[in-house]
Amino acid sequence: MPTFPDNTVLIPIDMQQAFDAAPWPRRWNERLDENGLALLAAWRAAGRPIIHVCHDSVEPGSTLRPEAAGHAFRPGFAPREGEPLVTKSVNAAFIGTDLDLRLRRIGAETVVLFGVSTDMCVSTSVRVGANMGYRVILVEDACDCFDLPDGEGGTIPARDVHRAHVATLRHEFATVLRTADVVALP
């Protein structure tokens, strides 16, 4: 099992309330909040850095627009005092934000990511982060995604979408761990 340097940064991605209601399709991970809150508690107890990421949509009518009720953080996921917030309007937490600068200022080389959705903002952030030279850890059981139309009249179940994306990320971009393994690390 790997160990983490003290300045390893936990990055929760898009832990927002909008994903619990229409127009968003069905999600699969009933333990998303439980696992995400366990990661936050472990990082806070260890005094390690956390940088929160949320999606500020610029699309008209989006449930993730800053003025929409769904833009709010899920219960327990709002940044606490001293925990920075990075806002983005695209899928990658590194694009059009100061996330890379913030990480470099604290000398972080390892980042631990989780959130919504596995196949979009989480996956894109993992890929970009790895391409920028960060050691990326993906906490797969603290991620969630949605049923996905297959373009042929059918639907790919969310769990299958998640599994395929995690497999791709594990193959080339990230070390993939589970919540219990991450919170048990020194």
C-alpha atoms as a PDB file:
ATOM      1  CA  MET A   1       0.000   0.000   0.000  1.00  0.00           C
ATOM      2  CA  PRO A   2       1.419   3.421  -0.884  1.00  0.00           C
ATOM      3  CA  THR A   3       2.089   6.134   1.658  1.00  0.00           C
ATOM      4  CA  PHE A   4       1.239   9.787   1.226  1.00  0.00           C
ATOM      5  CA  PRO A   5       3.522  12.767   1.855  1.00  0.00           C
ATOM      6  CA  ASP A   6       2.131  15.177   4.473  1.00  0.00           C
ATOM      7  CA  ASN A   7       1.319  17.746   1.784  1.00  0.00           C
ATOM      8  CA  THR A   8      -0.826  15.327  -0.238  1.00  0.00           C
ATOM      9  CA  VAL A   9      -3.936  17.294  -1.196  1.00  0.00           C
ATOM     10  CA  LEU A  10      -7.469  15.913  -1.027  1.00  0.00           C
ATOM     11  CA  ILE A  11      -9.614  17.309  -3.849  1.00  0.00           C
ATOM     12  CA  PRO A  12     -13.374  16.707  -3.627  1.00  0.00           C
ATOM     13  CA  ILE A  13     -14.903  17.442  -7.039  1.00  0.00           C
ATOM     14  CA  ASP A  14     -18.421  18.778  -7.570  1.00  0.00           C
ATOM     15  CA  MET A  15     -19.980  17.466  -4.375  1.00  0.00           C
ATOM     16  CA  GLN A  16     -23.085  19.531  -5.109  1.00  0.00           C
ATOM     17  CA  GLN A  17     -26.796  19.010  -4.486  1.00  0.00           C
ATOM     18  CA  ALA A  18     -27.918  19.396  -8.109  1.00  0.00           C
ATOM     19  CA  PHE A  19     -26.992  15.798  -8.882  1.00  0.00           C
ATOM     20  CA  ASP A  20     -29.796  14.445  -6.699  1.00  0.00           C
ATOM     21  CA  ALA A  21     -32.667  15.609  -8.892  1.00  0.00           C
ATOM     22  CA  ALA A  22     -33.873  16.055 -12.463  1.00  0.00           C
ATOM     23  CA  PRO A  23     -32.629  16.566 -15.058  1.00  0.00           C
ATOM     24  CA  TRP A  24     -29.795  14.331 -13.857  1.00  0.00           C
ATOM     25  CA  PRO A  25     -30.322  10.592 -14.497  1.00  0.00           C
ATOM     26  CA  ARG A  26     -30.125   7.819 -11.899  1.00  0.00           C
ATOM     27  CA  ARG A  27     -26.873   7.448  -9.935  1.00  0.00           C
ATOM     28  CA  TRP A  28     -25.657   4.168  -8.432  1.00  0.00           C
ATOM     29  CA  ASN A  29     -23.313   4.778  -5.477  1.00  0.00           C
ATOM     30  CA  GLU A  30     -25.429   4.945  -2.328  1.00  0.00           C
ATOM     31  CA  ARG A  31     -22.256   5.336  -0.225  1.00  0.00           C
ATOM     32  CA  LEU A  32     -20.943   8.412  -2.066  1.00  0.00           C
ATOM     33  CA  ASP A  33     -21.579  10.829   0.799  1.00  0.00           C
ATOM     34  CA  GLU A  34     -20.533   8.426   3.545  1.00  0.00           C
ATOM     35  CA  ASN A  35     -17.221   7.669   1.845  1.00  0.00           C
ATOM     36  CA  GLY A  36     -16.537  11.270   0.871  1.00  0.00           C
ATOM     37  CA  LEU A  37     -17.217  12.500   4.407  1.00  0.00           C
ATOM     38  CA  ALA A  38     -14.884   9.806   5.789  1.00  0.00           C
ATOM     39  CA  LEU A  39     -12.101  11.077   3.517  1.00  0.00           C
ATOM     40  CA  LEU A  40     -12.685  14.679   4.596  1.00  0.00           C
ATOM     41  CA  ALA A  41     -12.696  13.677   8.275  1.00  0.00           C
ATOM     42  CA  ALA A  42      -9.435  11.744   7.907  1.00  0.00           C
ATOM     43  CA  TRP A  43      -7.718  14.605   6.072  1.00  0.00           C
ATOM     44  CA  ARG A  44      -8.909  17.178   8.581  1.00  0.00           C
ATOM     45  CA  ALA A  45      -7.843  15.026  11.538  1.00  0.00           C
ATOM     46  CA  ALA A  46      -4.375  14.617  10.002  1.00  0.00           C
ATOM     47  CA  GLY A  47      -4.104  18.354   9.264  1.00  0.00           C
ATOM     48  CA  ARG A  48      -3.521  17.692   5.574  1.00  0.00           C
ATOM     49  CA  PRO A  49      -4.504  20.187   2.861  1.00  0.00           C
ATOM     50  CA  ILE A  50      -7.897  20.097   1.159  1.00  0.00           C
ATOM     51  CA  ILE A  51      -8.851  22.086  -1.932  1.00  0.00           C
ATOM     52  CA  HIS A  52     -12.541  21.896  -2.842  1.00  0.00           C
ATOM     53  CA  VAL A  53     -13.726  22.118  -6.437  1.00  0.00           C
ATOM     54  CA  CYS A  54     -17.229  23.029  -7.540  1.00  0.00           C
ATOM     55  CA  HIS A  55     -18.854  23.500 -10.906  1.00  0.00           C
ATOM     56  CA  ASP A  56     -20.102  26.999 -11.713  1.00  0.00           C
ATOM     57  CA  SER A  57     -22.061  26.376 -14.897  1.00  0.00           C
ATOM     58  CA  VAL A  58     -22.366  29.120 -17.473  1.00  0.00           C
ATOM     59  CA  GLU A  59     -25.088  27.218 -19.345  1.00  0.00           C
ATOM     60  CA  PRO A  60     -28.543  28.864 -19.241  1.00  0.00           C
ATOM     61  CA  GLY A  61     -30.958  26.918 -17.046  1.00  0.00           C
ATOM     62  CA  SER A  62     -28.304  24.599 -15.596  1.00  0.00           C
ATOM     63  CA  THR A  63     -28.925  23.298 -12.087  1.00  0.00           C
ATOM     64  CA  LEU A  64     -25.224  24.027 -11.434  1.00  0.00           C
ATOM     65  CA  ARG A  65     -25.381  27.772 -12.122  1.00  0.00           C
ATOM     66  CA  PRO A  66     -24.179  29.723  -9.062  1.00  0.00           C
ATOM     67  CA  GLU A  67     -27.657  31.168  -8.439  1.00  0.00           C
ATOM     68  CA  ALA A  68     -29.406  27.757  -8.672  1.00  0.00           C
ATOM     69  CA  ALA A  69     -30.366  25.910  -5.489  1.00  0.00           C
ATOM     70  CA  GLY A  70     -28.564  22.789  -6.733  1.00  0.00           C
ATOM     71  CA  HIS A  71     -25.254  24.641  -6.853  1.00  0.00           C
ATOM     72  CA  ALA A  72     -24.986  24.312  -3.057  1.00  0.00           C
ATOM     73  CA  PHE A  73     -22.689  21.723  -1.542  1.00  0.00           C
ATOM     74  CA  ARG A  74     -24.109  18.427  -0.363  1.00  0.00           C
ATOM     75  CA  PRO A  75     -24.519  18.369   3.447  1.00  0.00           C
ATOM     76  CA  GLY A  76     -21.119  18.236   5.132  1.00  0.00           C
ATOM     77  CA  PHE A  77     -19.103  18.999   1.988  1.00  0.00           C
ATOM     78  CA  ALA A  78     -18.799  22.787   2.176  1.00  0.00           C
ATOM     79  CA  PRO A  79     -15.260  24.067   2.685  1.00  0.00           C
ATOM     80  CA  ARG A  80     -14.314  24.915   6.248  1.00  0.00           C
ATOM     81  CA  GLU A  81     -12.272  27.935   7.253  1.00  0.00           C
ATOM     82  CA  GLY A  82      -8.847  27.751   5.619  1.00  0.00           C
ATOM     83  CA  GLU A  83      -9.935  25.216   2.977  1.00  0.00           C
ATOM     84  CA  PRO A  84      -9.744  26.882  -0.441  1.00  0.00           C
ATOM     85  CA  LEU A  85     -12.435  26.612  -3.083  1.00  0.00           C
ATOM     86  CA  VAL A  86     -11.675  26.429  -6.794  1.00  0.00           C
ATOM     87  CA  THR A  87     -14.572  27.031  -9.164  1.00  0.00           C
ATOM     88  CA  LYS A  88     -14.635  25.737 -12.715  1.00  0.00           C
ATOM     89  CA  SER A  89     -16.979  25.953 -15.688  1.00  0.00           C
ATOM     90  CA  VAL A  90     -15.557  23.019 -17.671  1.00  0.00           C
ATOM     91  CA  ASN A  91     -14.957  19.341 -16.874  1.00  0.00           C
ATOM     92  CA  ALA A  92     -11.334  19.612 -15.690  1.00  0.00           C
ATOM     93  CA  ALA A  93     -10.500  21.162 -12.327  1.00  0.00           C
ATOM     94  CA  PHE A  94      -7.158  22.308 -13.767  1.00  0.00           C
ATOM     95  CA  ILE A  95      -8.492  24.160 -16.831  1.00  0.00           C
ATOM     96  CA  GLY A  96      -9.248  27.869 -16.408  1.00  0.00           C
ATOM     97  CA  THR A  97      -8.573  27.738 -12.644  1.00  0.00           C
ATOM     98  CA  ASP A  98      -5.663  28.377 -10.294  1.00  0.00           C
ATOM     99  CA  LEU A  99      -5.620  24.789  -8.966  1.00  0.00           C
ATOM    100  CA  ASP A 100      -2.191  24.000 -10.415  1.00  0.00           C
ATOM    101  CA  LEU A 101      -0.737  27.213  -8.966  1.00  0.00           C
ATOM    102  CA  ARG A 102      -2.221  26.464  -5.533  1.00  0.00           C
ATOM    103  CA  LEU A 103      -0.772  22.937  -5.577  1.00  0.00           C
ATOM    104  CA  ARG A 104       2.664  24.122  -6.673  1.00  0.00           C
ATOM    105  CA  ARG A 105       2.741  26.837  -4.001  1.00  0.00           C
ATOM    106  CA  ILE A 106       2.445  24.206  -1.272  1.00  0.00           C
ATOM    107  CA  GLY A 107       4.830  21.818  -3.022  1.00  0.00           C
ATOM    108  CA  ALA A 108       2.187  19.140  -3.544  1.00  0.00           C
ATOM    109  CA  GLU A 109       3.123  16.313  -5.871  1.00  0.00           C
ATOM    110  CA  THR A 110       0.356  13.890  -4.884  1.00  0.00           C
ATOM    111  CA  VAL A 111      -3.371  14.561  -5.133  1.00  0.00           C
ATOM    112  CA  VAL A 112      -6.291  12.402  -4.018  1.00  0.00           C
ATOM    113  CA  LEU A 113      -9.487  12.919  -6.001  1.00  0.00           C
ATOM    114  CA  PHE A 114     -13.100  11.857  -5.555  1.00  0.00           C
ATOM    115  CA  GLY A 115     -16.545  13.171  -6.469  1.00  0.00           C
ATOM    116  CA  VAL A 116     -19.125  13.456  -9.220  1.00  0.00           C
ATOM    117  CA  SER A 117     -19.084  12.287 -11.901  1.00  0.00           C
ATOM    118  CA  THR A 118     -16.624   9.493 -12.462  1.00  0.00           C
ATOM    119  CA  ASP A 119     -16.828   9.677 -16.252  1.00  0.00           C
ATOM    120  CA  MET A 120     -16.829  13.451 -16.635  1.00  0.00           C
ATOM    121  CA  CYS A 121     -15.298  15.935 -14.197  1.00  0.00           C
ATOM    122  CA  VAL A 122     -13.481  13.382 -12.047  1.00  0.00           C
ATOM    123  CA  SER A 123     -12.016  11.461 -14.993  1.00  0.00           C
ATOM    124  CA  THR A 124     -11.021  14.614 -16.853  1.00  0.00           C
ATOM    125  CA  SER A 125      -9.381  16.069 -13.743  1.00  0.00           C
ATOM    126  CA  VAL A 126      -7.490  12.815 -13.107  1.00  0.00           C
ATOM    127  CA  ARG A 127      -6.213  12.720 -16.686  1.00  0.00           C
ATOM    128  CA  VAL A 128      -5.163  16.367 -16.799  1.00  0.00           C
ATOM    129  CA  GLY A 129      -3.551  16.167 -13.361  1.00  0.00           C
ATOM    130  CA  ALA A 130      -1.548  13.085 -14.360  1.00  0.00           C
ATOM    131  CA  ASN A 131      -0.497  14.737 -17.621  1.00  0.00           C
ATOM    132  CA  MET A 132       0.683  17.761 -15.637  1.00  0.00           C
ATOM    133  CA  GLY A 133       2.968  15.499 -13.611  1.00  0.00           C
ATOM    134  CA  TYR A 134       1.000  14.940 -10.414  1.00  0.00           C
ATOM    135  CA  ARG A 135       0.840  11.533  -8.748  1.00  0.00           C
ATOM    136  CA  VAL A 136      -2.925  11.003  -8.800  1.00  0.00           C
ATOM    137  CA  ILE A 137      -4.868   8.758  -6.434  1.00  0.00           C
ATOM    138  CA  LEU A 138      -8.494   8.074  -7.363  1.00  0.00           C
ATOM    139  CA  VAL A 139     -10.786   6.934  -4.548  1.00  0.00           C
ATOM    140  CA  GLU A 140     -13.171   4.916  -6.659  1.00  0.00           C
ATOM    141  CA  ASP A 141     -15.830   4.135  -4.063  1.00  0.00           C
ATOM    142  CA  ALA A 142     -16.154   7.845  -3.234  1.00  0.00           C
ATOM    143  CA  CYS A 143     -17.135   8.621  -6.841  1.00  0.00           C
ATOM    144  CA  ASP A 144     -20.463   8.381  -8.575  1.00  0.00           C
ATOM    145  CA  CYS A 145     -21.890   8.753 -12.060  1.00  0.00           C
ATOM    146  CA  PHE A 146     -25.137   8.482 -13.968  1.00  0.00           C
ATOM    147  CA  ASP A 147     -26.917   6.109 -16.320  1.00  0.00           C
ATOM    148  CA  LEU A 148     -25.752   7.048 -19.813  1.00  0.00           C
ATOM    149  CA  PRO A 149     -27.759   6.949 -23.052  1.00  0.00           C
ATOM    150  CA  ASP A 150     -25.823   4.784 -25.519  1.00  0.00           C
ATOM    151  CA  GLY A 151     -26.923   6.718 -28.615  1.00  0.00           C
ATOM    152  CA  GLU A 152     -28.775   3.678 -29.971  1.00  0.00           C
ATOM    153  CA  GLY A 153     -31.932   3.884 -27.865  1.00  0.00           C
ATOM    154  CA  GLY A 154     -30.511   2.021 -24.885  1.00  0.00           C
ATOM    155  CA  THR A 155     -28.900   2.961 -21.601  1.00  0.00           C
ATOM    156  CA  ILE A 156     -25.558   1.974 -20.118  1.00  0.00           C
ATOM    157  CA  PRO A 157     -26.060   1.472 -16.369  1.00  0.00           C
ATOM    158  CA  ALA A 158     -24.165   3.948 -14.185  1.00  0.00           C
ATOM    159  CA  ARG A 159     -22.225   1.190 -12.409  1.00  0.00           C
ATOM    160  CA  ASP A 160     -20.912  -0.066 -15.778  1.00  0.00           C
ATOM    161  CA  VAL A 161     -19.951   3.459 -16.852  1.00  0.00           C
ATOM    162  CA  HIS A 162     -18.095   3.850 -13.551  1.00  0.00           C
ATOM    163  CA  ARG A 163     -16.266   0.515 -13.859  1.00  0.00           C
ATOM    164  CA  ALA A 164     -15.102   1.235 -17.406  1.00  0.00           C
ATOM    165  CA  HIS A 165     -13.764   4.671 -16.525  1.00  0.00           C
ATOM    166  CA  VAL A 166     -12.036   3.470 -13.362  1.00  0.00           C
ATOM    167  CA  ALA A 167     -10.367   0.683 -15.375  1.00  0.00           C
ATOM    168  CA  THR A 168      -9.088   3.190 -17.937  1.00  0.00           C
ATOM    169  CA  LEU A 169      -7.812   5.558 -15.265  1.00  0.00           C
ATOM    170  CA  ARG A 170      -6.134   2.704 -13.380  1.00  0.00           C
ATOM    171  CA  HIS A 171      -4.434   1.516 -16.568  1.00  0.00           C
ATOM    172  CA  GLU A 172      -2.603   4.752 -17.300  1.00  0.00           C
ATOM    173  CA  PHE A 173      -3.448   7.775 -15.163  1.00  0.00           C
ATOM    174  CA  ALA A 174      -3.935   6.979 -11.484  1.00  0.00           C
ATOM    175  CA  THR A 175      -3.501   4.640  -8.589  1.00  0.00           C
ATOM    176  CA  VAL A 176      -7.000   3.492  -7.688  1.00  0.00           C
ATOM    177  CA  LEU A 177      -7.827   2.894  -4.029  1.00  0.00           C
ATOM    178  CA  ARG A 178     -10.910   2.496  -1.859  1.00  0.00           C
ATOM    179  CA  THR A 179     -11.936   4.775   0.994  1.00  0.00           C
ATOM    180  CA  ALA A 180     -11.046   2.297   3.748  1.00  0.00           C
ATOM    181  CA  ASP A 181      -7.531   1.940   2.355  1.00  0.00           C
ATOM    182  CA  VAL A 182      -6.982   5.682   2.047  1.00  0.00           C
ATOM    183  CA  VAL A 183      -8.209   6.607   5.540  1.00  0.00           C
ATOM    184  CA  ALA A 184      -6.040   3.834   7.036  1.00  0.00           C
ATOM    185  CA  LEU A 185      -2.839   5.228   5.526  1.00  0.00           C
ATOM    186  CA  PRO A 186      -0.407   7.112   7.754  1.00  0.00           C
END
